[in-house]
């Protein structure tokens, strides 16, 4: 999961309005400069594979899975998941029975599916960060695989459900709780904000996916940081930028749509187990695994 500083016009306009609290005219050059400086000052983080694996492995162990096959896209994302999974699985007593690769442009992954199925793994992990994950997934189902299939992330979106149809029923995916915010228990720290965000977004765009909250969370983080930064200096100054950075590292429990953020000098990811849940596909919809 990437935490990106917002770049859409609406988000930038909101930030510029906040920074230029003195209502001075905002030229295009100042607009661009302030956005660039905010990007440089703000902390960005990529969700580490080992953290995302926790939700998957916890469920795998609950289901009694002892052997796991991996089919990964032939790119850095896939390779990083292979490395993290093989290392982490050993510590949990899970045996990796085989590792296969596929290309984004492949029409099918039948050879890879057949090789994995030969060793009869209890479950298969598909390591792809987009809907190309359907290629090996569908090939496994078409060849009669009956074990559990886990997705590594990036596939929680309407197209995955539409294209996969019945073939993705019962599969699992680790993801941000944002995408099923309405299913979260009352009192869950992100629920109220996430539900409100989804209603407003879906009313205009009629879709939902985890990535749509990244910009919204960035706004929340900037909102939390600006008051402290303004005490350090005026917008556009080095002191203001340092104030933004320091505020992001010291503000605690910033609840947004994806999780509750607590950045430190060592932890630039900033979220904990409250930012990840396991989903399953049931009746053509994503359901939270309880």
C-alpha atoms as a PDB file:
ATOM      1  CA  UNK A   1       0.000   0.000   0.000  1.00  0.00           C
ATOM      2  CA  UNK A   2       1.471   3.313  -0.978  1.00  0.00           C
ATOM      3  CA  UNK A   3       0.899   6.516   0.897  1.00  0.00           C
ATOM      4  CA  UNK A   4       0.912   9.245  -1.762  1.00  0.00           C
ATOM      5  CA  UNK A   5       0.724  12.997  -1.402  1.00  0.00           C
ATOM      6  CA  UNK A   6      -2.462  13.986  -3.279  1.00  0.00           C
ATOM      7  CA  UNK A   7      -2.047  15.363  -6.782  1.00  0.00           C
ATOM      8  CA  UNK A   8      -5.598  15.770  -8.081  1.00  0.00           C
ATOM      9  CA  UNK A   9      -6.741  19.350  -8.581  1.00  0.00           C
ATOM     10  CA  UNK A  10      -9.344  19.201  -5.808  1.00  0.00           C
ATOM     11  CA  UNK A  11      -6.846  17.862  -3.288  1.00  0.00           C
ATOM     12  CA  UNK A  12      -4.139  20.334  -4.265  1.00  0.00           C
ATOM     13  CA  UNK A  13      -6.603  23.226  -4.119  1.00  0.00           C
ATOM     14  CA  UNK A  14      -7.559  22.174  -0.608  1.00  0.00           C
ATOM     15  CA  UNK A  15      -3.946  22.073   0.525  1.00  0.00           C
ATOM     16  CA  UNK A  16      -3.084  25.370  -1.109  1.00  0.00           C
ATOM     17  CA  UNK A  17      -6.070  27.018   0.576  1.00  0.00           C
ATOM     18  CA  UNK A  18      -4.850  25.720   3.931  1.00  0.00           C
ATOM     19  CA  UNK A  19      -1.244  26.800   3.410  1.00  0.00           C
ATOM     20  CA  UNK A  20      -2.122  30.250   2.090  1.00  0.00           C
ATOM     21  CA  UNK A  21      -4.242  31.160   5.046  1.00  0.00           C
ATOM     22  CA  UNK A  22      -3.498  34.842   4.445  1.00  0.00           C
ATOM     23  CA  UNK A  23      -5.578  34.631   1.196  1.00  0.00           C
ATOM     24  CA  UNK A  24      -2.771  35.964  -0.997  1.00  0.00           C
ATOM     25  CA  UNK A  25      -3.161  35.208  -4.719  1.00  0.00           C
ATOM     26  CA  UNK A  26      -1.808  31.803  -5.700  1.00  0.00           C
ATOM     27  CA  UNK A  27       0.050  31.825  -9.003  1.00  0.00           C
ATOM     28  CA  UNK A  28       0.658  28.623 -10.949  1.00  0.00           C
ATOM     29  CA  UNK A  29       4.372  28.785 -10.140  1.00  0.00           C
ATOM     30  CA  UNK A  30       3.718  29.125  -6.412  1.00  0.00           C
ATOM     31  CA  UNK A  31       1.102  26.394  -6.669  1.00  0.00           C
ATOM     32  CA  UNK A  32       3.550  23.949  -8.254  1.00  0.00           C
ATOM     33  CA  UNK A  33       6.390  24.916  -5.914  1.00  0.00           C
ATOM     34  CA  UNK A  34       4.341  24.390  -2.783  1.00  0.00           C
ATOM     35  CA  UNK A  35       3.093  20.999  -3.962  1.00  0.00           C
ATOM     36  CA  UNK A  36       6.642  19.910  -4.819  1.00  0.00           C
ATOM     37  CA  UNK A  37       7.910  21.067  -1.440  1.00  0.00           C
ATOM     38  CA  UNK A  38       5.078  19.264   0.341  1.00  0.00           C
ATOM     39  CA  UNK A  39       5.996  16.066  -1.466  1.00  0.00           C
ATOM     40  CA  UNK A  40       9.617  16.420  -0.446  1.00  0.00           C
ATOM     41  CA  UNK A  41       8.734  17.197   3.151  1.00  0.00           C
ATOM     42  CA  UNK A  42       6.052  14.625   3.751  1.00  0.00           C
ATOM     43  CA  UNK A  43       6.764  11.044   4.653  1.00  0.00           C
ATOM     44  CA  UNK A  44       5.768   8.367   2.166  1.00  0.00           C
ATOM     45  CA  UNK A  45       5.639   4.689   2.928  1.00  0.00           C
ATOM     46  CA  UNK A  46       5.120   1.418   1.133  1.00  0.00           C
ATOM     47  CA  UNK A  47       3.399  -1.347   3.000  1.00  0.00           C
ATOM     48  CA  UNK A  48       6.069  -3.937   3.635  1.00  0.00           C
ATOM     49  CA  UNK A  49       5.308  -7.424   2.408  1.00  0.00           C
ATOM     50  CA  UNK A  50       6.158  -9.015   5.749  1.00  0.00           C
ATOM     51  CA  UNK A  51       3.477  -6.917   7.467  1.00  0.00           C
ATOM     52  CA  UNK A  52       0.905  -7.779   4.842  1.00  0.00           C
ATOM     53  CA  UNK A  53       1.764 -11.434   5.172  1.00  0.00           C
ATOM     54  CA  UNK A  54       0.665 -11.428   8.795  1.00  0.00           C
ATOM     55  CA  UNK A  55      -3.024 -11.309   7.918  1.00  0.00           C
ATOM     56  CA  UNK A  56      -2.642 -14.037   5.302  1.00  0.00           C
ATOM     57  CA  UNK A  57      -0.455 -16.338   7.392  1.00  0.00           C
ATOM     58  CA  UNK A  58      -2.681 -15.984  10.449  1.00  0.00           C
ATOM     59  CA  UNK A  59      -5.629 -17.200   8.376  1.00  0.00           C
ATOM     60  CA  UNK A  60      -3.557 -19.911   6.701  1.00  0.00           C
ATOM     61  CA  UNK A  61      -2.609 -21.325  10.090  1.00  0.00           C
ATOM     62  CA  UNK A  62      -6.224 -21.202  11.295  1.00  0.00           C
ATOM     63  CA  UNK A  63      -7.242 -23.248   8.262  1.00  0.00           C
ATOM     64  CA  UNK A  64      -4.612 -25.864   9.015  1.00  0.00           C
ATOM     65  CA  UNK A  65      -2.536 -25.129   5.921  1.00  0.00           C
ATOM     66  CA  UNK A  66       0.876 -26.799   6.080  1.00  0.00           C
ATOM     67  CA  UNK A  67       2.013 -26.506   2.470  1.00  0.00           C
ATOM     68  CA  UNK A  68       1.914 -23.487   0.194  1.00  0.00           C
ATOM     69  CA  UNK A  69       2.616 -22.953  -3.497  1.00  0.00           C
ATOM     70  CA  UNK A  70       3.494 -19.542  -4.912  1.00  0.00           C
ATOM     71  CA  UNK A  71       2.841 -18.149  -8.376  1.00  0.00           C
ATOM     72  CA  UNK A  72       4.189 -14.640  -8.819  1.00  0.00           C
ATOM     73  CA  UNK A  73       4.284 -12.024 -11.511  1.00  0.00           C
ATOM     74  CA  UNK A  74       7.737 -11.779 -13.028  1.00  0.00           C
ATOM     75  CA  UNK A  75       8.516  -8.301 -11.723  1.00  0.00           C
ATOM     76  CA  UNK A  76       9.996  -6.700  -8.571  1.00  0.00           C
ATOM     77  CA  UNK A  77       6.652  -6.883  -6.751  1.00  0.00           C
ATOM     78  CA  UNK A  78       6.397 -10.610  -7.355  1.00  0.00           C
ATOM     79  CA  UNK A  79      10.006 -11.221  -6.406  1.00  0.00           C
ATOM     80  CA  UNK A  80       9.696  -9.285  -3.167  1.00  0.00           C
ATOM     81  CA  UNK A  81       6.664 -11.352  -2.193  1.00  0.00           C
ATOM     82  CA  UNK A  82       8.462 -14.595  -3.014  1.00  0.00           C
ATOM     83  CA  UNK A  83      11.385 -13.587  -0.817  1.00  0.00           C
ATOM     84  CA  UNK A  84       9.223 -12.416   2.078  1.00  0.00           C
ATOM     85  CA  UNK A  85       6.882 -15.407   1.921  1.00  0.00           C
ATOM     86  CA  UNK A  86       9.572 -18.061   1.713  1.00  0.00           C
ATOM     87  CA  UNK A  87      11.472 -16.540   4.627  1.00  0.00           C
ATOM     88  CA  UNK A  88       8.400 -15.954   6.781  1.00  0.00           C
ATOM     89  CA  UNK A  89       6.741 -19.288   6.065  1.00  0.00           C
ATOM     90  CA  UNK A  90       9.683 -21.179   7.515  1.00  0.00           C
ATOM     91  CA  UNK A  91       9.266 -19.408  10.846  1.00  0.00           C
ATOM     92  CA  UNK A  92       5.608 -20.531  10.969  1.00  0.00           C
ATOM     93  CA  UNK A  93       6.191 -24.140   9.990  1.00  0.00           C
ATOM     94  CA  UNK A  94       4.716 -23.793   6.494  1.00  0.00           C
ATOM     95  CA  UNK A  95       6.470 -25.627   3.665  1.00  0.00           C
ATOM     96  CA  UNK A  96       6.771 -23.965   0.259  1.00  0.00           C
ATOM     97  CA  UNK A  97       6.106 -26.702  -2.284  1.00  0.00           C
ATOM     98  CA  UNK A  98       6.929 -24.733  -5.423  1.00  0.00           C
ATOM     99  CA  UNK A  99       7.425 -21.287  -6.939  1.00  0.00           C
ATOM    100  CA  UNK A 100       6.305 -20.305 -10.442  1.00  0.00           C
ATOM    101  CA  UNK A 101       6.363 -17.064 -12.432  1.00  0.00           C
ATOM    102  CA  UNK A 102       4.042 -15.550 -15.005  1.00  0.00           C
ATOM    103  CA  UNK A 103       4.120 -12.455 -17.207  1.00  0.00           C
ATOM    104  CA  UNK A 104       1.627  -9.610 -17.135  1.00  0.00           C
ATOM    105  CA  UNK A 105       0.794 -10.255 -20.797  1.00  0.00           C
ATOM    106  CA  UNK A 106       0.263 -14.030 -20.502  1.00  0.00           C
ATOM    107  CA  UNK A 107      -3.076 -15.298 -21.793  1.00  0.00           C
ATOM    108  CA  UNK A 108      -3.037 -18.177 -19.340  1.00  0.00           C
ATOM    109  CA  UNK A 109      -0.835 -19.795 -16.715  1.00  0.00           C
ATOM    110  CA  UNK A 110      -1.751 -23.417 -17.308  1.00  0.00           C
ATOM    111  CA  UNK A 111       1.851 -24.751 -17.245  1.00  0.00           C
ATOM    112  CA  UNK A 112       2.518 -22.973 -13.956  1.00  0.00           C
ATOM    113  CA  UNK A 113      -0.756 -24.210 -12.479  1.00  0.00           C
ATOM    114  CA  UNK A 114      -0.020 -27.795 -13.449  1.00  0.00           C
ATOM    115  CA  UNK A 115       3.461 -27.669 -11.921  1.00  0.00           C
ATOM    116  CA  UNK A 116       2.130 -26.271  -8.649  1.00  0.00           C
ATOM    117  CA  UNK A 117      -0.737 -28.756  -8.470  1.00  0.00           C
ATOM    118  CA  UNK A 118       1.659 -31.675  -8.953  1.00  0.00           C
ATOM    119  CA  UNK A 119       2.876 -31.156  -5.373  1.00  0.00           C
ATOM    120  CA  UNK A 120      -0.684 -30.840  -4.024  1.00  0.00           C
ATOM    121  CA  UNK A 121      -0.244 -27.729  -1.852  1.00  0.00           C
ATOM    122  CA  UNK A 122      -2.941 -26.962   0.696  1.00  0.00           C
ATOM    123  CA  UNK A 123      -3.055 -23.383  -0.595  1.00  0.00           C
ATOM    124  CA  UNK A 124      -1.597 -21.183  -3.331  1.00  0.00           C
ATOM    125  CA  UNK A 125      -0.481 -17.571  -2.971  1.00  0.00           C
ATOM    126  CA  UNK A 126      -0.823 -15.413  -6.086  1.00  0.00           C
ATOM    127  CA  UNK A 127       1.679 -12.554  -5.873  1.00  0.00           C
ATOM    128  CA  UNK A 128       0.501  -9.841  -8.239  1.00  0.00           C
ATOM    129  CA  UNK A 129      -0.523  -6.280  -7.533  1.00  0.00           C
ATOM    130  CA  UNK A 130      -3.202  -5.920 -10.206  1.00  0.00           C
ATOM    131  CA  UNK A 131      -5.881  -7.859 -12.052  1.00  0.00           C
ATOM    132  CA  UNK A 132      -3.250  -9.849 -13.931  1.00  0.00           C
ATOM    133  CA  UNK A 133      -3.537 -12.040 -10.820  1.00  0.00           C
ATOM    134  CA  UNK A 134      -6.631 -13.493 -12.448  1.00  0.00           C
ATOM    135  CA  UNK A 135      -4.474 -15.260 -15.051  1.00  0.00           C
ATOM    136  CA  UNK A 136      -2.984 -17.881 -12.687  1.00  0.00           C
ATOM    137  CA  UNK A 137      -6.081 -17.843 -10.492  1.00  0.00           C
ATOM    138  CA  UNK A 138      -8.382 -18.839 -13.347  1.00  0.00           C
ATOM    139  CA  UNK A 139      -5.891 -21.387 -14.648  1.00  0.00           C
ATOM    140  CA  UNK A 140      -5.779 -23.090 -11.247  1.00  0.00           C
ATOM    141  CA  UNK A 141      -9.572 -23.266 -11.045  1.00  0.00           C
ATOM    142  CA  UNK A 142      -9.943 -24.451 -14.638  1.00  0.00           C
ATOM    143  CA  UNK A 143      -7.477 -27.274 -13.977  1.00  0.00           C
ATOM    144  CA  UNK A 144      -9.443 -28.421 -10.970  1.00  0.00           C
ATOM    145  CA  UNK A 145      -7.466 -27.035  -8.060  1.00  0.00           C
ATOM    146  CA  UNK A 146      -9.533 -27.430  -4.880  1.00  0.00           C
ATOM    147  CA  UNK A 147      -7.255 -25.793  -2.324  1.00  0.00           C
ATOM    148  CA  UNK A 148      -7.425 -22.266  -1.020  1.00  0.00           C
ATOM    149  CA  UNK A 149      -6.185 -19.339  -3.101  1.00  0.00           C
ATOM    150  CA  UNK A 150      -4.788 -16.204  -1.472  1.00  0.00           C
ATOM    151  CA  UNK A 151      -4.109 -12.949  -3.288  1.00  0.00           C
ATOM    152  CA  UNK A 152      -1.202 -10.749  -2.267  1.00  0.00           C
ATOM    153  CA  UNK A 153      -3.001  -7.446  -2.722  1.00  0.00           C
ATOM    154  CA  UNK A 154      -3.984  -4.922  -5.364  1.00  0.00           C
ATOM    155  CA  UNK A 155      -6.854  -7.044  -6.657  1.00  0.00           C
ATOM    156  CA  UNK A 156      -9.673  -5.718  -4.501  1.00  0.00           C
ATOM    157  CA  UNK A 157     -11.735  -3.893  -7.081  1.00  0.00           C
ATOM    158  CA  UNK A 158     -14.999  -4.382  -9.028  1.00  0.00           C
ATOM    159  CA  UNK A 159     -13.258  -5.660 -12.172  1.00  0.00           C
ATOM    160  CA  UNK A 160     -11.621  -8.518 -10.288  1.00  0.00           C
ATOM    161  CA  UNK A 161     -15.050  -9.672  -9.136  1.00  0.00           C
ATOM    162  CA  UNK A 162     -16.691  -9.106 -12.515  1.00  0.00           C
ATOM    163  CA  UNK A 163     -14.069 -10.928 -14.576  1.00  0.00           C
ATOM    164  CA  UNK A 164     -13.382 -13.660 -12.038  1.00  0.00           C
ATOM    165  CA  UNK A 165     -17.071 -14.290 -11.385  1.00  0.00           C
ATOM    166  CA  UNK A 166     -17.685 -17.714  -9.814  1.00  0.00           C
ATOM    167  CA  UNK A 167     -14.006 -18.657 -10.128  1.00  0.00           C
ATOM    168  CA  UNK A 168     -12.936 -16.218  -7.424  1.00  0.00           C
ATOM    169  CA  UNK A 169     -15.613 -17.276  -4.932  1.00  0.00           C
ATOM    170  CA  UNK A 170     -14.012 -18.322  -1.659  1.00  0.00           C
ATOM    171  CA  UNK A 171     -10.630 -16.761  -2.435  1.00  0.00           C
ATOM    172  CA  UNK A 172      -8.870 -14.551   0.095  1.00  0.00           C
ATOM    173  CA  UNK A 173      -7.174 -11.181  -0.086  1.00  0.00           C
ATOM    174  CA  UNK A 174      -5.345  -9.073   2.471  1.00  0.00           C
ATOM    175  CA  UNK A 175      -6.417  -5.454   2.190  1.00  0.00           C
ATOM    176  CA  UNK A 176      -7.146  -2.188   3.938  1.00  0.00           C
ATOM    177  CA  UNK A 177     -10.360  -2.215   5.993  1.00  0.00           C
ATOM    178  CA  UNK A 178     -11.414   0.864   4.030  1.00  0.00           C
ATOM    179  CA  UNK A 179     -12.932  -1.195   1.209  1.00  0.00           C
ATOM    180  CA  UNK A 180     -15.489  -2.856   3.490  1.00  0.00           C
ATOM    181  CA  UNK A 181     -15.851  -0.015   5.986  1.00  0.00           C
ATOM    182  CA  UNK A 182     -19.560  -0.626   6.527  1.00  0.00           C
ATOM    183  CA  UNK A 183     -18.799  -4.147   7.801  1.00  0.00           C
ATOM    184  CA  UNK A 184     -16.408  -2.930  10.491  1.00  0.00           C
ATOM    185  CA  UNK A 185     -17.663  -3.116  14.074  1.00  0.00           C
ATOM    186  CA  UNK A 186     -18.903   0.099  15.649  1.00  0.00           C
ATOM    187  CA  UNK A 187     -16.062   1.828  17.418  1.00  0.00           C
ATOM    188  CA  UNK A 188     -13.419   0.735  14.907  1.00  0.00           C
ATOM    189  CA  UNK A 189     -11.229   3.864  14.663  1.00  0.00           C
ATOM    190  CA  UNK A 190     -11.468   4.363  10.897  1.00  0.00           C
ATOM    191  CA  UNK A 191     -15.098   3.354  10.387  1.00  0.00           C
ATOM    192  CA  UNK A 192     -16.923   6.679  10.614  1.00  0.00           C
ATOM    193  CA  UNK A 193     -14.492   8.586   8.403  1.00  0.00           C
ATOM    194  CA  UNK A 194     -14.164   5.780   5.869  1.00  0.00           C
ATOM    195  CA  UNK A 195     -17.927   5.288   5.513  1.00  0.00           C
ATOM    196  CA  UNK A 196     -18.425   9.025   4.965  1.00  0.00           C
ATOM    197  CA  UNK A 197     -15.608   9.131   2.391  1.00  0.00           C
ATOM    198  CA  UNK A 198     -17.022   6.136   0.503  1.00  0.00           C
ATOM    199  CA  UNK A 199     -20.540   7.553   0.338  1.00  0.00           C
ATOM    200  CA  UNK A 200     -19.295  10.827  -1.097  1.00  0.00           C
ATOM    201  CA  UNK A 201     -16.929   9.154  -3.550  1.00  0.00           C
ATOM    202  CA  UNK A 202     -19.333   6.501  -4.779  1.00  0.00           C
ATOM    203  CA  UNK A 203     -22.090   9.049  -5.263  1.00  0.00           C
ATOM    204  CA  UNK A 204     -19.888  10.696  -7.880  1.00  0.00           C
ATOM    205  CA  UNK A 205     -17.795   7.865  -9.342  1.00  0.00           C
ATOM    206  CA  UNK A 206     -19.859   4.705  -8.655  1.00  0.00           C
ATOM    207  CA  UNK A 207     -16.836   2.571  -7.750  1.00  0.00           C
ATOM    208  CA  UNK A 208     -14.622   1.662  -4.839  1.00  0.00           C
ATOM    209  CA  UNK A 209     -11.086   0.329  -4.445  1.00  0.00           C
ATOM    210  CA  UNK A 210      -8.403   0.647  -1.792  1.00  0.00           C
ATOM    211  CA  UNK A 211      -6.321   3.124  -3.776  1.00  0.00           C
ATOM    212  CA  UNK A 212      -8.991   5.833  -3.788  1.00  0.00           C
ATOM    213  CA  UNK A 213      -8.350   6.498  -0.106  1.00  0.00           C
ATOM    214  CA  UNK A 214      -4.630   7.212  -0.489  1.00  0.00           C
ATOM    215  CA  UNK A 215      -5.160  10.831  -1.455  1.00  0.00           C
ATOM    216  CA  UNK A 216      -7.772  11.273   1.263  1.00  0.00           C
ATOM    217  CA  UNK A 217      -5.414   9.945   3.898  1.00  0.00           C
ATOM    218  CA  UNK A 218      -2.705  12.291   2.667  1.00  0.00           C
ATOM    219  CA  UNK A 219      -5.048  15.217   3.197  1.00  0.00           C
ATOM    220  CA  UNK A 220      -5.800  13.992   6.729  1.00  0.00           C
ATOM    221  CA  UNK A 221      -2.099  13.795   7.497  1.00  0.00           C
ATOM    222  CA  UNK A 222      -1.423  17.260   6.124  1.00  0.00           C
ATOM    223  CA  UNK A 223      -4.399  18.623   8.064  1.00  0.00           C
ATOM    224  CA  UNK A 224      -2.940  17.184  11.253  1.00  0.00           C
ATOM    225  CA  UNK A 225       0.543  18.539  10.528  1.00  0.00           C
ATOM    226  CA  UNK A 226      -0.203  22.083   9.351  1.00  0.00           C
ATOM    227  CA  UNK A 227      -1.168  23.675  12.705  1.00  0.00           C
ATOM    228  CA  UNK A 228       2.156  22.709  14.269  1.00  0.00           C
ATOM    229  CA  UNK A 229       4.091  23.593  11.109  1.00  0.00           C
ATOM    230  CA  UNK A 230       2.619  27.101  11.060  1.00  0.00           C
ATOM    231  CA  UNK A 231       4.172  27.694  14.475  1.00  0.00           C
ATOM    232  CA  UNK A 232       7.579  26.950  12.975  1.00  0.00           C
ATOM    233  CA  UNK A 233       7.432  29.220   9.934  1.00  0.00           C
ATOM    234  CA  UNK A 234       5.438  30.593   7.042  1.00  0.00           C
ATOM    235  CA  UNK A 235       4.341  28.362   4.163  1.00  0.00           C
ATOM    236  CA  UNK A 236       7.062  28.052   1.566  1.00  0.00           C
ATOM    237  CA  UNK A 237       9.948  28.434   4.016  1.00  0.00           C
ATOM    238  CA  UNK A 238      12.429  25.747   5.102  1.00  0.00           C
ATOM    239  CA  UNK A 239      11.124  26.142   8.643  1.00  0.00           C
ATOM    240  CA  UNK A 240       7.583  25.354   7.523  1.00  0.00           C
ATOM    241  CA  UNK A 241       8.705  22.273   5.617  1.00  0.00           C
ATOM    242  CA  UNK A 242      10.674  21.040   8.608  1.00  0.00           C
ATOM    243  CA  UNK A 243       7.631  21.748  10.747  1.00  0.00           C
ATOM    244  CA  UNK A 244       5.539  19.506   8.497  1.00  0.00           C
ATOM    245  CA  UNK A 245       8.089  16.723   8.807  1.00  0.00           C
ATOM    246  CA  UNK A 246       8.358  17.029  12.574  1.00  0.00           C
ATOM    247  CA  UNK A 247       4.593  17.153  13.012  1.00  0.00           C
ATOM    248  CA  UNK A 248       4.137  13.975  10.980  1.00  0.00           C
ATOM    249  CA  UNK A 249       6.675  12.278  13.237  1.00  0.00           C
ATOM    250  CA  UNK A 250       5.178  13.478  16.517  1.00  0.00           C
ATOM    251  CA  UNK A 251       1.396  13.640  16.040  1.00  0.00           C
ATOM    252  CA  UNK A 252      -0.173  10.474  17.477  1.00  0.00           C
ATOM    253  CA  UNK A 253      -3.123   8.334  16.440  1.00  0.00           C
ATOM    254  CA  UNK A 254      -4.143  10.187  13.282  1.00  0.00           C
ATOM    255  CA  UNK A 255      -7.246   8.253  12.239  1.00  0.00           C
ATOM    256  CA  UNK A 256      -7.829   8.279   8.490  1.00  0.00           C
ATOM    257  CA  UNK A 257      -9.529   6.013   5.958  1.00  0.00           C
ATOM    258  CA  UNK A 258      -6.801   3.376   5.623  1.00  0.00           C
ATOM    259  CA  UNK A 259      -5.589   3.143   9.194  1.00  0.00           C
ATOM    260  CA  UNK A 260      -4.407   4.940  12.305  1.00  0.00           C
ATOM    261  CA  UNK A 261      -1.072   6.639  11.676  1.00  0.00           C
ATOM    262  CA  UNK A 262       1.831   6.935  14.103  1.00  0.00           C
ATOM    263  CA  UNK A 263       5.054   7.782  12.267  1.00  0.00           C
ATOM    264  CA  UNK A 264       8.483   7.693  13.901  1.00  0.00           C
ATOM    265  CA  UNK A 265      12.034   8.179  12.661  1.00  0.00           C
ATOM    266  CA  UNK A 266      12.331   4.410  12.282  1.00  0.00           C
ATOM    267  CA  UNK A 267       8.786   3.557  11.253  1.00  0.00           C
ATOM    268  CA  UNK A 268       7.833   5.392   8.066  1.00  0.00           C
ATOM    269  CA  UNK A 269       4.992   2.975   7.384  1.00  0.00           C
ATOM    270  CA  UNK A 270       3.104   4.360  10.336  1.00  0.00           C
ATOM    271  CA  UNK A 271       0.195   1.946  10.695  1.00  0.00           C
ATOM    272  CA  UNK A 272      -0.391  -1.233  12.661  1.00  0.00           C
ATOM    273  CA  UNK A 273      -2.679  -4.254  12.497  1.00  0.00           C
ATOM    274  CA  UNK A 274      -5.723  -1.976  12.408  1.00  0.00           C
ATOM    275  CA  UNK A 275      -4.777  -1.119   8.810  1.00  0.00           C
ATOM    276  CA  UNK A 276      -5.067  -4.637   7.471  1.00  0.00           C
ATOM    277  CA  UNK A 277      -7.772  -7.249   7.394  1.00  0.00           C
ATOM    278  CA  UNK A 278      -8.442 -10.406   5.447  1.00  0.00           C
ATOM    279  CA  UNK A 279     -11.283 -10.470   2.950  1.00  0.00           C
ATOM    280  CA  UNK A 280     -12.988 -13.339   1.192  1.00  0.00           C
ATOM    281  CA  UNK A 281     -15.276 -13.330  -1.835  1.00  0.00           C
ATOM    282  CA  UNK A 282     -18.789 -14.510  -1.029  1.00  0.00           C
ATOM    283  CA  UNK A 283     -21.781 -14.236  -3.355  1.00  0.00           C
ATOM    284  CA  UNK A 284     -19.828 -11.943  -5.647  1.00  0.00           C
ATOM    285  CA  UNK A 285     -18.918  -9.470  -2.901  1.00  0.00           C
ATOM    286  CA  UNK A 286     -16.018  -8.876  -0.555  1.00  0.00           C
ATOM    287  CA  UNK A 287     -16.691  -9.968   3.001  1.00  0.00           C
ATOM    288  CA  UNK A 288     -14.533  -9.464   6.052  1.00  0.00           C
ATOM    289  CA  UNK A 289     -13.118 -12.689   7.516  1.00  0.00           C
ATOM    290  CA  UNK A 290     -14.028 -12.595  11.196  1.00  0.00           C
END
